[in-house]
């Protein structure tokens, strides 16, 4: 997995999760925006870390 793909998938998943949580909590306006932003950033970070680990693991495997 490439870093760009991992980051993009993380952003998609993180913003989806963040907006879902915000809507379930009944947040509006700024609270919802912050929920989506934080979810997206955490998703991007986790996607990037996963892509780096995936690539490192595939290089050491025969």
Protein backbone atom coordinates (compact mmCIF):
# COMPACT_ATOMS: atom_id res chain seq x y z
CA UNK A 1 0.00 0.00 0.00
CA UNK A 2 1.29 3.42 -0.94
CA UNK A 3 1.41 6.30 1.54
CA UNK A 4 -0.98 8.36 -0.59
CA UNK A 5 -3.57 5.58 -0.66
CA UNK A 6 -3.25 4.98 3.08
CA UNK A 7 -3.65 8.67 3.82
CA UNK A 8 -6.64 9.03 1.49
CA UNK A 9 -8.42 5.98 2.91
CA UNK A 10 -7.68 7.18 6.44
CA UNK A 11 -9.12 10.60 5.66
CA UNK A 12 -12.26 9.05 4.17
CA UNK A 13 -12.78 6.68 7.07
CA UNK A 14 -11.91 9.26 9.73
CA UNK A 15 -14.23 11.96 8.43
CA UNK A 16 -17.04 9.44 8.01
CA UNK A 17 -16.56 8.21 11.57
CA UNK A 18 -16.25 11.76 12.92
CA UNK A 19 -19.43 12.95 11.22
CA UNK A 20 -21.31 9.84 12.34
CA UNK A 21 -20.29 10.36 15.94
CA UNK A 22 -21.19 14.05 15.73
CA UNK A 23 -24.65 13.34 14.35
CA UNK A 24 -25.30 10.62 16.91
CA UNK A 25 -24.35 13.03 19.69
CA UNK A 26 -26.69 15.65 18.22
CA UNK A 27 -23.92 18.19 17.68
CA UNK A 28 -24.41 21.11 15.33
CA UNK A 29 -22.24 23.70 13.71
CA UNK A 30 -18.81 24.12 15.27
CA UNK A 31 -18.91 21.00 17.43
CA UNK A 32 -19.70 18.89 14.37
CA UNK A 33 -17.00 20.57 12.30
CA UNK A 34 -14.39 19.89 14.98
CA UNK A 35 -15.53 16.28 15.25
CA UNK A 36 -15.08 15.78 11.50
CA UNK A 37 -11.72 17.58 11.46
CA UNK A 38 -10.32 15.57 14.35
CA UNK A 39 -11.67 12.33 12.91
CA UNK A 40 -10.08 13.13 9.55
CA UNK A 41 -6.71 13.98 11.06
CA UNK A 42 -6.66 10.86 13.21
CA UNK A 43 -7.72 8.79 10.20
CA UNK A 44 -4.97 10.26 8.04
CA UNK A 45 -2.38 9.59 10.72
CA UNK A 46 -3.50 6.01 11.22
CA UNK A 47 -3.63 5.42 7.45
CA UNK A 48 -0.11 6.78 7.04
CA UNK A 49 1.25 4.65 9.89
CA UNK A 50 -0.48 1.57 8.48
CA UNK A 51 0.96 2.20 5.01
CA UNK A 52 4.47 2.61 6.41
CA UNK A 53 4.19 -0.57 8.47
CA UNK A 54 2.67 -2.45 5.54
CA UNK A 55 5.56 -1.40 3.28
CA UNK A 56 8.20 -2.22 5.92
CA UNK A 57 6.64 -5.64 6.50
CA UNK A 58 6.49 -6.46 2.79
CA UNK A 59 10.17 -5.62 2.28
CA UNK A 60 11.36 -8.00 5.00
CA UNK A 61 9.12 -10.90 3.92
CA UNK A 62 10.56 -13.24 1.28
